[in-house]
Amino acid sequence: MAKYKIIFNGEEQDEVFNTYDAASNAANNMVAEYHEGGEILELSNPRDYSYDPTVEPEYEIVEE
């Protein structure tokens, strides 16, 4: 049975998923967390953390 991993912004994640759908859901959650974190950092200190909501992080789901 195939296993899947996520490569998020060029870094391979440790978690292994049993299905492609589970990996896809996790990757979409990571994208949402990326945007939420960017918004929070920009609100807390806008001079140090500029956040552009139009920039999407890159991810890839690979079969292990």
N, C-alpha and C. Protein backbone atom coordinates (compact mmCIF):
# COMPACT_ATOMS: atom_id res chain seq x y z
N MET A 1 0.84 -1.17 0.00
CA MET A 1 0.00 0.00 0.00
C MET A 1 0.90 1.25 0.00
N ALA A 2 0.55 2.20 -0.79
CA ALA A 2 1.34 3.42 -0.93
C ALA A 2 1.20 4.31 0.30
N LYS A 3 2.28 4.99 0.63
CA LYS A 3 2.30 5.97 1.71
C LYS A 3 2.68 7.31 1.08
N TYR A 4 2.26 8.40 1.70
CA TYR A 4 2.48 9.72 1.12
C TYR A 4 3.10 10.67 2.14
N LYS A 5 3.95 11.56 1.63
CA LYS A 5 4.58 12.60 2.44
C LYS A 5 4.34 13.94 1.77
N ILE A 6 4.50 15.01 2.55
CA ILE A 6 4.33 16.36 2.03
C ILE A 6 5.68 17.06 2.03
N ILE A 7 5.97 17.73 0.93
CA ILE A 7 7.12 18.63 0.87
C ILE A 7 6.53 20.04 0.85
N PHE A 8 6.74 20.77 1.93
CA PHE A 8 6.13 22.10 2.11
C PHE A 8 7.22 23.15 2.09
N ASN A 9 7.14 24.06 1.12
CA ASN A 9 8.15 25.11 0.94
C ASN A 9 9.56 24.53 0.89
N GLY A 10 9.71 23.42 0.20
CA GLY A 10 11.02 22.82 -0.01
C GLY A 10 11.51 21.94 1.12
N GLU A 11 10.74 21.80 2.21
CA GLU A 11 11.15 20.98 3.33
C GLU A 11 10.24 19.76 3.46
N GLU A 12 10.85 18.58 3.46
CA GLU A 12 10.07 17.36 3.61
C GLU A 12 9.57 17.24 5.04
N GLN A 13 8.30 17.01 5.19
CA GLN A 13 7.69 16.87 6.51
C GLN A 13 7.85 15.44 7.00
N ASP A 14 7.86 15.26 8.32
CA ASP A 14 8.09 13.95 8.90
C ASP A 14 6.89 13.02 8.83
N GLU A 15 5.71 13.58 8.89
CA GLU A 15 4.50 12.77 8.97
C GLU A 15 4.25 11.99 7.68
N VAL A 16 3.84 10.75 7.83
CA VAL A 16 3.53 9.87 6.70
C VAL A 16 2.02 9.60 6.72
N PHE A 17 1.37 9.67 5.56
CA PHE A 17 -0.07 9.50 5.45
C PHE A 17 -0.38 8.23 4.66
N ASN A 18 -1.47 7.57 5.05
CA ASN A 18 -1.87 6.32 4.39
C ASN A 18 -2.57 6.56 3.07
N THR A 19 -3.21 7.73 2.91
CA THR A 19 -3.93 8.02 1.66
C THR A 19 -3.52 9.38 1.13
N TYR A 20 -3.71 9.54 -0.16
CA TYR A 20 -3.43 10.82 -0.80
C TYR A 20 -4.36 11.90 -0.26
N ASP A 21 -5.62 11.53 -0.03
CA ASP A 21 -6.59 12.51 0.48
C ASP A 21 -6.20 13.03 1.86
N ALA A 22 -5.71 12.16 2.72
CA ALA A 22 -5.28 12.59 4.05
C ALA A 22 -4.09 13.55 3.94
N ALA A 23 -3.16 13.26 3.05
CA ALA A 23 -2.02 14.14 2.84
C ALA A 23 -2.46 15.46 2.25
N SER A 24 -3.40 15.43 1.33
CA SER A 24 -3.92 16.65 0.72
C SER A 24 -4.62 17.53 1.76
N ASN A 25 -5.42 16.92 2.62
CA ASN A 25 -6.09 17.68 3.68
C ASN A 25 -5.08 18.32 4.63
N ALA A 26 -4.05 17.57 4.98
CA ALA A 26 -3.02 18.10 5.86
C ALA A 26 -2.27 19.25 5.19
N ALA A 27 -1.98 19.12 3.90
CA ALA A 27 -1.28 20.19 3.18
C ALA A 27 -2.14 21.45 3.10
N ASN A 28 -3.43 21.28 2.87
CA ASN A 28 -4.33 22.44 2.84
C ASN A 28 -4.40 23.11 4.21
N ASN A 29 -4.36 22.31 5.26
CA ASN A 29 -4.35 22.85 6.62
C ASN A 29 -3.05 23.64 6.87
N MET A 30 -1.94 23.14 6.37
CA MET A 30 -0.66 23.83 6.53
C MET A 30 -0.68 25.18 5.81
N VAL A 31 -1.31 25.23 4.65
CA VAL A 31 -1.43 26.49 3.91
C VAL A 31 -2.25 27.49 4.73
N ALA A 32 -3.36 27.02 5.30
CA ALA A 32 -4.20 27.89 6.12
C ALA A 32 -3.44 28.41 7.34
N GLU A 33 -2.66 27.54 7.97
CA GLU A 33 -1.86 27.94 9.13
C GLU A 33 -0.76 28.92 8.72
N TYR A 34 -0.20 28.74 7.55
CA TYR A 34 0.82 29.66 7.03
C TYR A 34 0.23 31.07 6.92
N HIS A 35 -0.96 31.17 6.36
CA HIS A 35 -1.59 32.48 6.19
C HIS A 35 -2.00 33.08 7.53
N GLU A 36 -2.55 32.27 8.41
CA GLU A 36 -2.96 32.77 9.72
C GLU A 36 -1.74 33.27 10.51
N GLY A 37 -0.66 32.52 10.47
CA GLY A 37 0.57 32.92 11.15
C GLY A 37 1.14 34.21 10.58
N GLY A 38 1.10 34.35 9.26
CA GLY A 38 1.59 35.56 8.62
C GLY A 38 0.80 36.78 9.03
N GLU A 39 -0.51 36.62 9.11
CA GLU A 39 -1.37 37.73 9.53
C GLU A 39 -1.08 38.13 10.97
N ILE A 40 -0.92 37.15 11.84
CA ILE A 40 -0.66 37.44 13.25
C ILE A 40 0.68 38.13 13.42
N LEU A 41 1.72 37.63 12.74
CA LEU A 41 3.04 38.26 12.84
C LEU A 41 3.02 39.69 12.32
N GLU A 42 2.33 39.92 11.22
CA GLU A 42 2.26 41.27 10.67
C GLU A 42 1.52 42.21 11.61
N LEU A 43 0.45 41.73 12.22
CA LEU A 43 -0.29 42.57 13.16
C LEU A 43 0.54 42.89 14.40
N SER A 44 1.33 41.94 14.87
CA SER A 44 2.10 42.16 16.09
C SER A 44 3.31 43.06 15.86
N ASN A 45 3.90 42.99 14.67
CA ASN A 45 5.08 43.83 14.40
C ASN A 45 5.22 44.01 12.89
N PRO A 46 4.47 44.94 12.32
CA PRO A 46 4.44 45.06 10.85
C PRO A 46 5.77 45.46 10.21
N ARG A 47 6.64 46.11 10.95
CA ARG A 47 7.92 46.52 10.35
C ARG A 47 8.86 45.33 10.16
N ASP A 48 8.77 44.36 11.04
CA ASP A 48 9.66 43.20 10.96
C ASP A 48 9.10 42.07 10.10
N TYR A 49 7.79 41.96 10.04
CA TYR A 49 7.15 40.86 9.32
C TYR A 49 6.15 41.41 8.32
N SER A 50 6.59 41.52 7.09
CA SER A 50 5.64 41.94 6.07
C SER A 50 4.96 40.70 5.51
N TYR A 51 3.67 40.74 5.41
CA TYR A 51 2.89 39.58 4.96
C TYR A 51 2.13 39.96 3.71
N ASP A 52 2.26 39.14 2.69
CA ASP A 52 1.55 39.35 1.43
C ASP A 52 0.58 38.18 1.25
N PRO A 53 -0.71 38.42 1.42
CA PRO A 53 -1.68 37.32 1.34
C PRO A 53 -1.83 36.71 -0.06
N THR A 54 -1.26 37.36 -1.08
CA THR A 54 -1.37 36.81 -2.42
C THR A 54 -0.30 35.75 -2.69
N VAL A 55 0.70 35.66 -1.84
CA VAL A 55 1.77 34.67 -2.01
C VAL A 55 1.32 33.36 -1.39
N GLU A 56 1.26 32.32 -2.21
CA GLU A 56 0.86 31.00 -1.74
C GLU A 56 2.12 30.15 -1.51
N PRO A 57 2.20 29.47 -0.37
CA PRO A 57 3.33 28.56 -0.17
C PRO A 57 3.23 27.38 -1.14
N GLU A 58 4.37 26.84 -1.50
CA GLU A 58 4.38 25.71 -2.43
C GLU A 58 4.42 24.41 -1.64
N TYR A 59 3.66 23.45 -2.11
CA TYR A 59 3.74 22.12 -1.51
C TYR A 59 3.56 21.07 -2.59
N GLU A 60 4.07 19.90 -2.26
CA GLU A 60 4.00 18.76 -3.17
C GLU A 60 3.72 17.52 -2.33
N ILE A 61 2.87 16.67 -2.82
CA ILE A 61 2.59 15.40 -2.15
C ILE A 61 3.29 14.31 -2.95
N VAL A 62 4.16 13.59 -2.27
CA VAL A 62 4.95 12.56 -2.95
C VAL A 62 4.65 11.19 -2.37
N GLU A 63 4.72 10.20 -3.24
CA GLU A 63 4.52 8.82 -2.79
C GLU A 63 5.84 8.30 -2.23
N GLU A 64 5.75 7.65 -1.10
CA GLU A 64 6.96 7.14 -0.45
C GLU A 64 7.17 5.69 -0.79
